[in-house]
Every structure is written in C-alpha cells, then in structure tokens.
Amino acid sequence: MRSTITISLPEKVRAQLDRVSKTEGVSRSDLVRESIRDYLFLRQFRAIRKTMVPKASRQGIYTDQDVFDRVS
C-alpha cells in the first residue's frame, strides 16, 4: 500500500535533487524514497549502537577487529 505525502524543499535542494535524478536516470520520488529508507535505517543503527557500545566495552570489545575475533 502506498501513501502520497507533500513536502516543501528549498529551491537549491530541489535543484540538486533534479540534477541527481537526471544524472542517475531515476525519478525524484525514487530518490526521496531511497533517502528516507537510508535515513531511517541509519537512525535505527545508531540507536542500537548507542545501546550496544557500553555493553561491548564492558566485555573488552572496542574495535571492529575485536568483534571479528569474537565471531570467528
């Protein structure tokens, strides 16, 4: 199911959106949808990370290599 929303953009942002849309050959709607999905994913990732970093630190996990060593 889809819903339509209306947003307002500053002229410079709309112009950038139009340029990228033309360059990549995708619609403005597709770019905005992808951008919102990416933004929401990043917010969720940051929230999870904020919860997990202190727990990992208490277990001596500080780097990506520490995680890799634990799961390998």
PDB file of N, CA and C in Angstrom:
ATOM      1  N   MET A   1       0.837  -1.170   0.000  1.00  0.00           N
ATOM      2  CA  MET A   1       0.000   0.000   0.000  1.00  0.00           C
ATOM      3  C   MET A   1       0.886   1.239   0.000  1.00  0.00           C
ATOM      4  N   ARG A   2       0.512   2.208  -0.746  1.00  0.00           N
ATOM      5  CA  ARG A   2       1.288   3.441  -0.832  1.00  0.00           C
ATOM      6  C   ARG A   2       0.451   4.615  -0.366  1.00  0.00           C
ATOM      7  N   SER A   3       1.144   5.599   0.165  1.00  0.00           N
ATOM      8  CA  SER A   3       0.510   6.863   0.543  1.00  0.00           C
ATOM      9  C   SER A   3       1.293   7.984  -0.112  1.00  0.00           C
ATOM     10  N   THR A   4       0.609   9.036  -0.420  1.00  0.00           N
ATOM     11  CA  THR A   4       1.250  10.202  -1.006  1.00  0.00           C
ATOM     12  C   THR A   4       1.406  11.263   0.073  1.00  0.00           C
ATOM     13  N   ILE A   5       2.603  11.850   0.118  1.00  0.00           N
ATOM     14  CA  ILE A   5       2.829  12.977   1.016  1.00  0.00           C
ATOM     15  C   ILE A   5       3.351  14.143   0.185  1.00  0.00           C
ATOM     16  N   THR A   6       3.205  15.316   0.710  1.00  0.00           N
ATOM     17  CA  THR A   6       3.711  16.511   0.053  1.00  0.00           C
ATOM     18  C   THR A   6       4.750  17.130   0.973  1.00  0.00           C
ATOM     19  N   ILE A   7       5.885  17.488   0.394  1.00  0.00           N
ATOM     20  CA  ILE A   7       6.925  18.153   1.169  1.00  0.00           C
ATOM     21  C   ILE A   7       7.340  19.429   0.448  1.00  0.00           C
ATOM     22  N   SER A   8       7.885  20.340   1.190  1.00  0.00           N
ATOM     23  CA  SER A   8       8.443  21.543   0.569  1.00  0.00           C
ATOM     24  C   SER A   8       9.951  21.507   0.757  1.00  0.00           C
ATOM     25  N   LEU A   9      10.656  21.943  -0.260  1.00  0.00           N
ATOM     26  CA  LEU A   9      12.121  21.956  -0.241  1.00  0.00           C
ATOM     27  C   LEU A   9      12.621  23.339  -0.609  1.00  0.00           C
ATOM     28  N   PRO A  10      13.730  23.733  -0.031  1.00  0.00           N
ATOM     29  CA  PRO A  10      14.364  24.964  -0.513  1.00  0.00           C
ATOM     30  C   PRO A  10      14.729  24.783  -1.992  1.00  0.00           C
ATOM     31  N   GLU A  11      14.693  25.843  -2.726  1.00  0.00           N
ATOM     32  CA  GLU A  11      14.946  25.782  -4.173  1.00  0.00           C
ATOM     33  C   GLU A  11      16.276  25.109  -4.511  1.00  0.00           C
ATOM     34  N   LYS A  12      17.323  25.407  -3.739  1.00  0.00           N
ATOM     35  CA  LYS A  12      18.637  24.803  -4.023  1.00  0.00           C
ATOM     36  C   LYS A  12      18.604  23.290  -3.836  1.00  0.00           C
ATOM     37  N   VAL A  13      17.892  22.817  -2.834  1.00  0.00           N
ATOM     38  CA  VAL A  13      17.794  21.372  -2.591  1.00  0.00           C
ATOM     39  C   VAL A  13      17.009  20.715  -3.721  1.00  0.00           C
ATOM     40  N   ARG A  14      15.899  21.346  -4.129  1.00  0.00           N
ATOM     41  CA  ARG A  14      15.119  20.797  -5.230  1.00  0.00           C
ATOM     42  C   ARG A  14      15.946  20.742  -6.506  1.00  0.00           C
ATOM     43  N   ALA A  15      16.752  21.773  -6.755  1.00  0.00           N
ATOM     44  CA  ALA A  15      17.591  21.793  -7.957  1.00  0.00           C
ATOM     45  C   ALA A  15      18.630  20.668  -7.897  1.00  0.00           C
ATOM     46  N   GLN A  16      19.222  20.444  -6.726  1.00  0.00           N
ATOM     47  CA  GLN A  16      20.172  19.335  -6.581  1.00  0.00           C
ATOM     48  C   GLN A  16      19.479  18.004  -6.801  1.00  0.00           C
ATOM     49  N   LEU A  17      18.294  17.853  -6.240  1.00  0.00           N
ATOM     50  CA  LEU A  17      17.517  16.632  -6.412  1.00  0.00           C
ATOM     51  C   LEU A  17      17.235  16.389  -7.893  1.00  0.00           C
ATOM     52  N   ASP A  18      16.854  17.427  -8.613  1.00  0.00           N
ATOM     53  CA  ASP A  18      16.580  17.295 -10.043  1.00  0.00           C
ATOM     54  C   ASP A  18      17.832  16.895 -10.825  1.00  0.00           C
ATOM     55  N   ARG A  19      18.972  17.487 -10.468  1.00  0.00           N
ATOM     56  CA  ARG A  19      20.220  17.132 -11.166  1.00  0.00           C
ATOM     57  C   ARG A  19      20.578  15.666 -10.941  1.00  0.00           C
ATOM     58  N   VAL A  20      20.505  15.226  -9.696  1.00  0.00           N
ATOM     59  CA  VAL A  20      20.834  13.828  -9.386  1.00  0.00           C
ATOM     60  C   VAL A  20      19.842  12.893 -10.067  1.00  0.00           C
ATOM     61  N   SER A  21      18.582  13.257 -10.034  1.00  0.00           N
ATOM     62  CA  SER A  21      17.548  12.449 -10.678  1.00  0.00           C
ATOM     63  C   SER A  21      17.856  12.268 -12.167  1.00  0.00           C
ATOM     64  N   LYS A  22      18.206  13.345 -12.822  1.00  0.00           N
ATOM     65  CA  LYS A  22      18.518  13.288 -14.258  1.00  0.00           C
ATOM     66  C   LYS A  22      19.796  12.489 -14.496  1.00  0.00           C
ATOM     67  N   THR A  23      20.836  12.750 -13.701  1.00  0.00           N
ATOM     68  CA  THR A  23      22.117  12.069 -13.871  1.00  0.00           C
ATOM     69  C   THR A  23      21.982  10.567 -13.680  1.00  0.00           C
ATOM     70  N   GLU A  24      21.224  10.154 -12.663  1.00  0.00           N
ATOM     71  CA  GLU A  24      21.101   8.732 -12.346  1.00  0.00           C
ATOM     72  C   GLU A  24      19.948   8.053 -13.084  1.00  0.00           C
ATOM     73  N   GLY A  25      19.132   8.847 -13.751  1.00  0.00           N
ATOM     74  CA  GLY A  25      18.038   8.278 -14.525  1.00  0.00           C
ATOM     75  C   GLY A  25      16.940   7.662 -13.667  1.00  0.00           C
ATOM     76  N   VAL A  26      16.720   8.249 -12.505  1.00  0.00           N
ATOM     77  CA  VAL A  26      15.651   7.777 -11.625  1.00  0.00           C
ATOM     78  C   VAL A  26      14.757   8.967 -11.261  1.00  0.00           C
ATOM     79  N   SER A  27      13.555   8.668 -10.848  1.00  0.00           N
ATOM     80  CA  SER A  27      12.615   9.739 -10.520  1.00  0.00           C
ATOM     81  C   SER A  27      12.970  10.400  -9.191  1.00  0.00           C
ATOM     82  N   ARG A  28      12.472  11.594  -9.020  1.00  0.00           N
ATOM     83  CA  ARG A  28      12.640  12.277  -7.733  1.00  0.00           C
ATOM     84  C   ARG A  28      12.026  11.445  -6.619  1.00  0.00           C
ATOM     85  N   SER A  29      10.863  10.865  -6.885  1.00  0.00           N
ATOM     86  CA  SER A  29      10.201  10.044  -5.865  1.00  0.00           C
ATOM     87  C   SER A  29      11.072   8.878  -5.440  1.00  0.00           C
ATOM     88  N   ASP A  30      11.708   8.225  -6.421  1.00  0.00           N
ATOM     89  CA  ASP A  30      12.593   7.100  -6.086  1.00  0.00           C
ATOM     90  C   ASP A  30      13.760   7.559  -5.224  1.00  0.00           C
ATOM     91  N   LEU A  31      14.343   8.691  -5.562  1.00  0.00           N
ATOM     92  CA  LEU A  31      15.466   9.211  -4.771  1.00  0.00           C
ATOM     93  C   LEU A  31      15.027   9.567  -3.349  1.00  0.00           C
ATOM     94  N   VAL A  32      13.881  10.206  -3.224  1.00  0.00           N
ATOM     95  CA  VAL A  32      13.397  10.586  -1.898  1.00  0.00           C
ATOM     96  C   VAL A  32      13.065   9.336  -1.090  1.00  0.00           C
ATOM     97  N   ARG A  33      12.408   8.346  -1.716  1.00  0.00           N
ATOM     98  CA  ARG A  33      12.098   7.097  -1.016  1.00  0.00           C
ATOM     99  C   ARG A  33      13.370   6.429  -0.509  1.00  0.00           C
ATOM    100  N   GLU A  34      14.375   6.318  -1.392  1.00  0.00           N
ATOM    101  CA  GLU A  34      15.641   5.696  -1.003  1.00  0.00           C
ATOM    102  C   GLU A  34      16.322   6.484   0.113  1.00  0.00           C
ATOM    103  N   SER A  35      16.277   7.792   0.022  1.00  0.00           N
ATOM    104  CA  SER A  35      16.904   8.634   1.049  1.00  0.00           C
ATOM    105  C   SER A  35      16.223   8.460   2.400  1.00  0.00           C
ATOM    106  N   ILE A  36      14.908   8.390   2.399  1.00  0.00           N
ATOM    107  CA  ILE A  36      14.182   8.203   3.651  1.00  0.00           C
ATOM    108  C   ILE A  36      14.474   6.826   4.235  1.00  0.00           C
ATOM    109  N   ARG A  37      14.484   5.787   3.381  1.00  0.00           N
ATOM    110  CA  ARG A  37      14.831   4.440   3.870  1.00  0.00           C
ATOM    111  C   ARG A  37      16.212   4.433   4.502  1.00  0.00           C
ATOM    112  N   ASP A  38      17.189   5.049   3.806  1.00  0.00           N
ATOM    113  CA  ASP A  38      18.556   5.111   4.332  1.00  0.00           C
ATOM    114  C   ASP A  38      18.604   5.852   5.661  1.00  0.00           C
ATOM    115  N   TYR A  39      17.897   6.968   5.746  1.00  0.00           N
ATOM    116  CA  TYR A  39      17.873   7.766   6.972  1.00  0.00           C
ATOM    117  C   TYR A  39      17.276   6.971   8.129  1.00  0.00           C
ATOM    118  N   LEU A  40      16.166   6.303   7.881  1.00  0.00           N
ATOM    119  CA  LEU A  40      15.526   5.523   8.942  1.00  0.00           C
ATOM    120  C   LEU A  40      16.397   4.355   9.376  1.00  0.00           C
ATOM    121  N   PHE A  41      17.071   3.701   8.423  1.00  0.00           N
ATOM    122  CA  PHE A  41      17.990   2.622   8.764  1.00  0.00           C
ATOM    123  C   PHE A  41      19.128   3.156   9.639  1.00  0.00           C
ATOM    124  N   LEU A  42      19.688   4.288   9.251  1.00  0.00           N
ATOM    125  CA  LEU A  42      20.797   4.876   9.998  1.00  0.00           C
ATOM    126  C   LEU A  42      20.366   5.266  11.414  1.00  0.00           C
ATOM    127  N   ARG A  43      19.177   5.819  11.559  1.00  0.00           N
ATOM    128  CA  ARG A  43      18.655   6.151  12.904  1.00  0.00           C
ATOM    129  C   ARG A  43      18.547   4.902  13.764  1.00  0.00           C
ATOM    130  N   GLN A  44      18.024   3.825  13.168  1.00  0.00           N
ATOM    131  CA  GLN A  44      17.873   2.571  13.908  1.00  0.00           C
ATOM    132  C   GLN A  44      19.242   2.015  14.287  1.00  0.00           C
ATOM    133  N   PHE A  45      20.182   2.044  13.347  1.00  0.00           N
ATOM    134  CA  PHE A  45      21.538   1.561  13.602  1.00  0.00           C
ATOM    135  C   PHE A  45      22.175   2.338  14.745  1.00  0.00           C
ATOM    136  N   ARG A  46      22.050   3.659  14.708  1.00  0.00           N
ATOM    137  CA  ARG A  46      22.641   4.492  15.762  1.00  0.00           C
ATOM    138  C   ARG A  46      22.020   4.206  17.124  1.00  0.00           C
ATOM    139  N   ALA A  47      20.712   3.969  17.147  1.00  0.00           N
ATOM    140  CA  ALA A  47      20.044   3.662  18.413  1.00  0.00           C
ATOM    141  C   ALA A  47      20.538   2.335  18.970  1.00  0.00           C
ATOM    142  N   ILE A  48      20.660   1.343  18.107  1.00  0.00           N
ATOM    143  CA  ILE A  48      21.164   0.039  18.544  1.00  0.00           C
ATOM    144  C   ILE A  48      22.607   0.170  19.012  1.00  0.00           C
ATOM    145  N   ARG A  49      23.411   0.894  18.244  1.00  0.00           N
ATOM    146  CA  ARG A  49      24.823   1.075  18.589  1.00  0.00           C
ATOM    147  C   ARG A  49      24.968   1.778  19.936  1.00  0.00           C
ATOM    148  N   LYS A  50      24.127   2.784  20.165  1.00  0.00           N
ATOM    149  CA  LYS A  50      24.176   3.530  21.436  1.00  0.00           C
ATOM    150  C   LYS A  50      23.920   2.597  22.619  1.00  0.00           C
ATOM    151  N   THR A  51      23.066   1.625  22.428  1.00  0.00           N
ATOM    152  CA  THR A  51      22.762   0.650  23.477  1.00  0.00           C
ATOM    153  C   THR A  51      23.887  -0.371  23.616  1.00  0.00           C
ATOM    154  N   MET A  52      24.448  -0.799  22.487  1.00  0.00           N
ATOM    155  CA  MET A  52      25.393  -1.911  22.496  1.00  0.00           C
ATOM    156  C   MET A  52      26.834  -1.527  22.829  1.00  0.00           C
ATOM    157  N   VAL A  53      27.259  -0.328  22.499  1.00  0.00           N
ATOM    158  CA  VAL A  53      28.655   0.056  22.739  1.00  0.00           C
ATOM    159  C   VAL A  53      29.035  -0.058  24.212  1.00  0.00           C
ATOM    160  N   PRO A  54      28.242   0.444  25.131  1.00  0.00           N
ATOM    161  CA  PRO A  54      28.619   0.287  26.543  1.00  0.00           C
ATOM    162  C   PRO A  54      28.697  -1.190  26.966  1.00  0.00           C
ATOM    163  N   LYS A  55      27.776  -2.004  26.477  1.00  0.00           N
ATOM    164  CA  LYS A  55      27.799  -3.431  26.811  1.00  0.00           C
ATOM    165  C   LYS A  55      29.046  -4.097  26.246  1.00  0.00           C
ATOM    166  N   ALA A  56      29.399  -3.759  25.013  1.00  0.00           N
ATOM    167  CA  ALA A  56      30.588  -4.332  24.391  1.00  0.00           C
ATOM    168  C   ALA A  56      31.847  -3.881  25.130  1.00  0.00           C
ATOM    169  N   SER A  57      31.898  -2.622  25.478  1.00  0.00           N
ATOM    170  CA  SER A  57      33.069  -2.092  26.195  1.00  0.00           C
ATOM    171  C   SER A  57      33.302  -2.825  27.506  1.00  0.00           C
ATOM    172  N   ARG A  58      32.231  -3.148  28.203  1.00  0.00           N
ATOM    173  CA  ARG A  58      32.373  -3.885  29.464  1.00  0.00           C
ATOM    174  C   ARG A  58      32.954  -5.283  29.242  1.00  0.00           C
ATOM    175  N   GLN A  59      32.837  -5.772  28.018  1.00  0.00           N
ATOM    176  CA  GLN A  59      33.379  -7.098  27.700  1.00  0.00           C
ATOM    177  C   GLN A  59      34.712  -7.003  26.961  1.00  0.00           C
ATOM    178  N   GLY A  60      35.282  -5.803  26.889  1.00  0.00           N
ATOM    179  CA  GLY A  60      36.578  -5.622  26.256  1.00  0.00           C
ATOM    180  C   GLY A  60      36.517  -5.569  24.735  1.00  0.00           C
ATOM    181  N   ILE A  61      35.368  -5.266  24.194  1.00  0.00           N
ATOM    182  CA  ILE A  61      35.204  -5.155  22.739  1.00  0.00           C
ATOM    183  C   ILE A  61      35.154  -3.674  22.398  1.00  0.00           C
ATOM    184  N   TYR A  62      36.182  -3.222  21.659  1.00  0.00           N
ATOM    185  CA  TYR A  62      36.282  -1.804  21.337  1.00  0.00           C
ATOM    186  C   TYR A  62      36.360  -1.520  19.842  1.00  0.00           C
ATOM    187  N   THR A  63      36.844  -2.473  19.050  1.00  0.00           N
ATOM    188  CA  THR A  63      37.072  -2.227  17.629  1.00  0.00           C
ATOM    189  C   THR A  63      36.349  -3.266  16.783  1.00  0.00           C
ATOM    190  N   ASP A  64      36.299  -3.003  15.485  1.00  0.00           N
ATOM    191  CA  ASP A  64      35.742  -3.988  14.546  1.00  0.00           C
ATOM    192  C   ASP A  64      36.542  -5.279  14.609  1.00  0.00           C
ATOM    193  N   GLN A  65      37.847  -5.155  14.777  1.00  0.00           N
ATOM    194  CA  GLN A  65      38.695  -6.354  14.868  1.00  0.00           C
ATOM    195  C   GLN A  65      38.343  -7.178  16.110  1.00  0.00           C
ATOM    196  N   ASP A  66      38.046  -6.496  17.210  1.00  0.00           N
ATOM    197  CA  ASP A  66      37.613  -7.220  18.415  1.00  0.00           C
ATOM    198  C   ASP A  66      36.344  -8.011  18.130  1.00  0.00           C
ATOM    199  N   VAL A  67      35.411  -7.431  17.426  1.00  0.00           N
ATOM    200  CA  VAL A  67      34.171  -8.139  17.076  1.00  0.00           C
ATOM    201  C   VAL A  67      34.494  -9.310  16.171  1.00  0.00           C
ATOM    202  N   PHE A  68      35.290  -9.083  15.162  1.00  0.00           N
ATOM    203  CA  PHE A  68      35.662 -10.153  14.225  1.00  0.00           C
ATOM    204  C   PHE A  68      36.325 -11.311  14.965  1.00  0.00           C
ATOM    205  N   ASP A  69      37.229 -10.980  15.871  1.00  0.00           N
ATOM    206  CA  ASP A  69      37.923 -12.036  16.627  1.00  0.00           C
ATOM    207  C   ASP A  69      36.946 -12.849  17.454  1.00  0.00           C
ATOM    208  N   ARG A  70      35.914 -12.201  17.990  1.00  0.00           N
ATOM    209  CA  ARG A  70      34.928 -12.912  18.818  1.00  0.00           C
ATOM    210  C   ARG A  70      34.029 -13.829  17.998  1.00  0.00           C
ATOM    211  N   VAL A  71      33.708 -13.423  16.797  1.00  0.00           N
ATOM    212  CA  VAL A  71      32.768 -14.222  15.992  1.00  0.00           C
ATOM    213  C   VAL A  71      33.469 -15.225  15.092  1.00  0.00           C
ATOM    214  N   SER A  72      34.774 -15.128  14.993  1.00  0.00           N
ATOM    215  CA  SER A  72      35.498 -16.048  14.105  1.00  0.00           C
ATOM    216  C   SER A  72      35.866 -17.324  14.822  1.00  0.00           C
TER     217      SER A  72
END
